[in-house]
Amino acid sequence: MKSTGIIRKIDELGRVVIPIELRNKFNLSEKDPIEIYVDGTNIILKKYESNCIFCGRSENLKEYKDKQICTNCLKKISTLNEKRKKEKNK
């Protein structure tokens, strides 16, 4: 982990301002969702990106029941459903 040398205080509502230089560097805009991770005694902030719940990919996502599924996994699920239907009809 590399120190930026930037120090910020937490305000009375528990907020911390992320400096503009870091927001620009990591392409963060106002109202972007941020994930919060804990690693031992460290708090890690990461720009949130939706991922497929099955394979973890972040491209070509579709939403189903508030979950993100990529088109590849969706095709695999469709294929499995078709096979099940054929087996039932035998």
N, C-alpha and C. Protein backbone atom coordinates (compact mmCIF):
# COMPACT_ATOMS: atom_id res chain seq x y z
N MET A 1 0.85 -1.16 0.00
CA MET A 1 0.00 0.00 0.00
C MET A 1 0.90 1.23 0.00
N LYS A 2 0.56 2.20 -0.85
CA LYS A 2 1.38 3.41 -1.00
C LYS A 2 0.69 4.60 -0.35
N SER A 3 1.40 5.34 0.46
CA SER A 3 0.86 6.54 1.10
C SER A 3 0.80 7.69 0.10
N THR A 4 -0.30 8.45 0.15
CA THR A 4 -0.42 9.63 -0.70
C THR A 4 0.11 10.87 0.00
N GLY A 5 0.27 10.78 1.32
CA GLY A 5 0.69 11.93 2.10
C GLY A 5 -0.44 12.88 2.42
N ILE A 6 -1.65 12.54 1.99
CA ILE A 6 -2.83 13.37 2.24
C ILE A 6 -3.48 12.91 3.54
N ILE A 7 -3.81 13.86 4.40
CA ILE A 7 -4.47 13.55 5.67
C ILE A 7 -5.76 14.35 5.73
N ARG A 8 -6.85 13.69 6.06
CA ARG A 8 -8.15 14.35 6.21
C ARG A 8 -8.75 13.96 7.55
N LYS A 9 -9.52 14.86 8.13
CA LYS A 9 -10.22 14.58 9.38
C LYS A 9 -11.64 14.11 9.07
N ILE A 10 -12.15 13.25 9.94
CA ILE A 10 -13.53 12.82 9.84
C ILE A 10 -14.40 13.91 10.47
N ASP A 11 -15.47 14.32 9.76
CA ASP A 11 -16.32 15.38 10.33
C ASP A 11 -17.31 14.78 11.34
N GLU A 12 -18.14 15.65 11.93
CA GLU A 12 -19.05 15.21 12.99
C GLU A 12 -20.10 14.21 12.51
N LEU A 13 -20.31 14.09 11.20
CA LEU A 13 -21.25 13.11 10.66
C LEU A 13 -20.54 11.84 10.16
N GLY A 14 -19.23 11.75 10.39
CA GLY A 14 -18.47 10.57 9.99
C GLY A 14 -18.00 10.61 8.54
N ARG A 15 -18.04 11.76 7.91
CA ARG A 15 -17.65 11.88 6.50
C ARG A 15 -16.18 12.26 6.36
N VAL A 16 -15.61 11.80 5.23
CA VAL A 16 -14.24 12.16 4.86
C VAL A 16 -14.28 12.65 3.42
N VAL A 17 -13.62 13.75 3.15
CA VAL A 17 -13.56 14.28 1.79
C VAL A 17 -12.41 13.61 1.05
N ILE A 18 -12.72 13.07 -0.14
CA ILE A 18 -11.69 12.49 -1.01
C ILE A 18 -11.18 13.63 -1.90
N PRO A 19 -9.89 13.93 -1.84
CA PRO A 19 -9.35 15.06 -2.63
C PRO A 19 -9.61 14.91 -4.13
N ILE A 20 -9.79 16.04 -4.79
CA ILE A 20 -10.09 16.07 -6.22
C ILE A 20 -9.04 15.33 -7.05
N GLU A 21 -7.77 15.42 -6.63
CA GLU A 21 -6.71 14.73 -7.38
C GLU A 21 -6.94 13.22 -7.40
N LEU A 22 -7.36 12.67 -6.27
CA LEU A 22 -7.64 11.23 -6.21
C LEU A 22 -8.93 10.88 -6.93
N ARG A 23 -9.94 11.75 -6.82
CA ARG A 23 -11.18 11.49 -7.55
C ARG A 23 -10.94 11.48 -9.05
N ASN A 24 -10.12 12.41 -9.52
CA ASN A 24 -9.80 12.44 -10.96
C ASN A 24 -8.99 11.22 -11.37
N LYS A 25 -8.00 10.87 -10.56
CA LYS A 25 -7.13 9.74 -10.88
C LYS A 25 -7.91 8.43 -11.00
N PHE A 26 -8.93 8.26 -10.14
CA PHE A 26 -9.70 7.02 -10.12
C PHE A 26 -11.08 7.17 -10.76
N ASN A 27 -11.27 8.26 -11.51
CA ASN A 27 -12.50 8.50 -12.26
C ASN A 27 -13.73 8.41 -11.36
N LEU A 28 -13.68 9.08 -10.23
CA LEU A 28 -14.80 9.12 -9.30
C LEU A 28 -15.56 10.43 -9.48
N SER A 29 -16.87 10.32 -9.60
CA SER A 29 -17.72 11.50 -9.74
C SER A 29 -18.69 11.57 -8.58
N GLU A 30 -19.31 12.72 -8.45
CA GLU A 30 -20.32 12.91 -7.41
C GLU A 30 -21.40 11.83 -7.53
N LYS A 31 -21.76 11.24 -6.42
CA LYS A 31 -22.79 10.20 -6.29
C LYS A 31 -22.38 8.84 -6.82
N ASP A 32 -21.11 8.65 -7.22
CA ASP A 32 -20.65 7.31 -7.58
C ASP A 32 -20.68 6.42 -6.34
N PRO A 33 -21.12 5.17 -6.48
CA PRO A 33 -21.09 4.27 -5.33
C PRO A 33 -19.67 3.82 -5.02
N ILE A 34 -19.36 3.73 -3.74
CA ILE A 34 -18.04 3.32 -3.26
C ILE A 34 -18.22 2.10 -2.36
N GLU A 35 -17.42 1.06 -2.58
CA GLU A 35 -17.43 -0.10 -1.70
C GLU A 35 -16.42 0.11 -0.59
N ILE A 36 -16.73 -0.38 0.59
CA ILE A 36 -15.84 -0.25 1.74
C ILE A 36 -15.41 -1.64 2.16
N TYR A 37 -14.09 -1.85 2.20
CA TYR A 37 -13.50 -3.13 2.60
C TYR A 37 -12.70 -2.93 3.87
N VAL A 38 -12.55 -4.00 4.62
CA VAL A 38 -11.69 -3.99 5.79
C VAL A 38 -10.66 -5.09 5.61
N ASP A 39 -9.39 -4.74 5.79
CA ASP A 39 -8.28 -5.69 5.68
C ASP A 39 -7.41 -5.49 6.92
N GLY A 40 -7.64 -6.33 7.92
CA GLY A 40 -6.92 -6.16 9.18
C GLY A 40 -7.31 -4.85 9.82
N THR A 41 -6.35 -3.95 9.98
CA THR A 41 -6.63 -2.64 10.58
C THR A 41 -6.81 -1.55 9.52
N ASN A 42 -6.89 -1.93 8.25
CA ASN A 42 -7.01 -0.97 7.15
C ASN A 42 -8.45 -0.89 6.64
N ILE A 43 -8.88 0.32 6.31
CA ILE A 43 -10.15 0.55 5.64
C ILE A 43 -9.82 0.89 4.20
N ILE A 44 -10.41 0.17 3.25
CA ILE A 44 -10.11 0.35 1.83
C ILE A 44 -11.37 0.80 1.11
N LEU A 45 -11.27 1.88 0.35
CA LEU A 45 -12.37 2.38 -0.47
C LEU A 45 -12.12 1.99 -1.91
N LYS A 46 -13.16 1.51 -2.58
CA LYS A 46 -13.03 1.10 -3.98
C LYS A 46 -14.28 1.52 -4.73
N LYS A 47 -14.09 2.05 -5.94
CA LYS A 47 -15.24 2.40 -6.77
C LYS A 47 -16.03 1.13 -7.05
N TYR A 48 -17.34 1.18 -6.80
CA TYR A 48 -18.17 0.00 -6.97
C TYR A 48 -18.43 -0.25 -8.45
N GLU A 49 -18.25 -1.49 -8.85
CA GLU A 49 -18.59 -1.93 -10.20
C GLU A 49 -19.45 -3.17 -10.08
N SER A 50 -20.57 -3.18 -10.77
CA SER A 50 -21.43 -4.36 -10.77
C SER A 50 -20.71 -5.51 -11.45
N ASN A 51 -20.89 -6.71 -10.91
CA ASN A 51 -20.29 -7.90 -11.48
C ASN A 51 -21.34 -9.00 -11.56
N CYS A 52 -21.13 -9.93 -12.47
CA CYS A 52 -21.98 -11.10 -12.59
C CYS A 52 -21.88 -11.91 -11.30
N ILE A 53 -23.02 -12.33 -10.76
CA ILE A 53 -23.01 -13.07 -9.50
C ILE A 53 -22.41 -14.47 -9.67
N PHE A 54 -22.29 -14.95 -10.91
CA PHE A 54 -21.76 -16.29 -11.14
C PHE A 54 -20.27 -16.30 -11.48
N CYS A 55 -19.86 -15.45 -12.42
CA CYS A 55 -18.47 -15.51 -12.89
C CYS A 55 -17.64 -14.29 -12.51
N GLY A 56 -18.28 -13.20 -12.08
CA GLY A 56 -17.55 -12.01 -11.66
C GLY A 56 -17.24 -11.02 -12.77
N ARG A 57 -17.63 -11.32 -14.01
CA ARG A 57 -17.38 -10.37 -15.10
C ARG A 57 -18.19 -9.10 -14.91
N SER A 58 -17.70 -8.00 -15.48
CA SER A 58 -18.41 -6.74 -15.34
C SER A 58 -18.93 -6.21 -16.69
N GLU A 59 -18.77 -6.99 -17.75
CA GLU A 59 -19.25 -6.56 -19.07
C GLU A 59 -20.57 -7.24 -19.41
N ASN A 60 -21.39 -6.56 -20.22
CA ASN A 60 -22.63 -7.11 -20.76
C ASN A 60 -23.54 -7.70 -19.68
N LEU A 61 -23.86 -6.90 -18.68
CA LEU A 61 -24.68 -7.37 -17.56
C LEU A 61 -26.16 -7.11 -17.80
N LYS A 62 -26.97 -8.05 -17.33
CA LYS A 62 -28.42 -7.92 -17.33
C LYS A 62 -28.87 -8.05 -15.89
N GLU A 63 -29.94 -7.37 -15.54
CA GLU A 63 -30.44 -7.45 -14.17
C GLU A 63 -31.60 -8.43 -14.10
N TYR A 64 -31.57 -9.31 -13.11
CA TYR A 64 -32.65 -10.25 -12.87
C TYR A 64 -32.86 -10.35 -11.36
N LYS A 65 -34.04 -9.97 -10.90
CA LYS A 65 -34.37 -9.98 -9.47
C LYS A 65 -33.29 -9.29 -8.63
N ASP A 66 -32.91 -8.08 -9.05
CA ASP A 66 -31.92 -7.26 -8.36
C ASP A 66 -30.52 -7.87 -8.34
N LYS A 67 -30.24 -8.82 -9.21
CA LYS A 67 -28.91 -9.43 -9.33
C LYS A 67 -28.39 -9.18 -10.74
N GLN A 68 -27.07 -9.07 -10.86
CA GLN A 68 -26.43 -8.85 -12.16
C GLN A 68 -25.93 -10.18 -12.71
N ILE A 69 -26.29 -10.48 -13.96
CA ILE A 69 -25.86 -11.71 -14.63
C ILE A 69 -25.35 -11.34 -16.01
N CYS A 70 -24.15 -11.81 -16.37
CA CYS A 70 -23.59 -11.50 -17.69
C CYS A 70 -24.31 -12.35 -18.75
N THR A 71 -24.20 -11.92 -20.00
CA THR A 71 -24.90 -12.62 -21.08
C THR A 71 -24.38 -14.04 -21.26
N ASN A 72 -23.08 -14.28 -21.01
CA ASN A 72 -22.55 -15.64 -21.13
C ASN A 72 -23.20 -16.58 -20.13
N CYS A 73 -23.29 -16.17 -18.87
CA CYS A 73 -23.90 -17.00 -17.84
C CYS A 73 -25.40 -17.16 -18.10
N LEU A 74 -26.02 -16.10 -18.61
CA LEU A 74 -27.44 -16.16 -18.93
C LEU A 74 -27.70 -17.21 -20.02
N LYS A 75 -26.82 -17.27 -21.01
CA LYS A 75 -26.94 -18.29 -22.07
C LYS A 75 -26.79 -19.69 -21.49
N LYS A 76 -25.82 -19.86 -20.60
CA LYS A 76 -25.61 -21.17 -19.98
C LYS A 76 -26.84 -21.60 -19.17
N ILE A 77 -27.44 -20.66 -18.44
CA ILE A 77 -28.63 -20.96 -17.67
C ILE A 77 -29.78 -21.34 -18.60
N SER A 78 -29.94 -20.61 -19.69
CA SER A 78 -30.99 -20.91 -20.66
C SER A 78 -30.81 -22.31 -21.24
N THR A 79 -29.57 -22.67 -21.56
CA THR A 79 -29.26 -24.00 -22.11
C THR A 79 -29.63 -25.08 -21.10
N LEU A 80 -29.27 -24.86 -19.83
CA LEU A 80 -29.62 -25.83 -18.78
C LEU A 80 -31.14 -25.98 -18.65
N ASN A 81 -31.86 -24.88 -18.71
CA ASN A 81 -33.32 -24.93 -18.62
C ASN A 81 -33.93 -25.68 -19.79
N GLU A 82 -33.38 -25.47 -20.97
CA GLU A 82 -33.88 -26.18 -22.15
C GLU A 82 -33.64 -27.68 -22.02
N LYS A 83 -32.46 -28.07 -21.53
CA LYS A 83 -32.14 -29.49 -21.33
C LYS A 83 -33.09 -30.11 -20.32
N ARG A 84 -33.40 -29.41 -19.24
CA ARG A 84 -34.32 -29.91 -18.22
C ARG A 84 -35.72 -30.13 -18.79
N LYS A 85 -36.17 -29.16 -19.61
CA LYS A 85 -37.48 -29.29 -20.22
C LYS A 85 -37.55 -30.51 -21.13
N LYS A 86 -36.48 -30.72 -21.92
CA LYS A 86 -36.44 -31.88 -22.81
C LYS A 86 -36.44 -33.19 -22.03
N GLU A 87 -35.71 -33.24 -20.93
CA GLU A 87 -35.67 -34.44 -20.10
C GLU A 87 -37.02 -34.73 -19.47
N LYS A 88 -37.75 -33.71 -19.09
CA LYS A 88 -39.08 -33.89 -18.50
C LYS A 88 -40.08 -34.42 -19.52
N ASN A 89 -39.90 -33.99 -20.77
CA ASN A 89 -40.83 -34.39 -21.84
C ASN A 89 -40.57 -35.78 -22.37
N LYS A 90 -39.49 -36.44 -21.95
CA LYS A 90 -39.16 -37.78 -22.44
C LYS A 90 -40.05 -38.83 -21.84
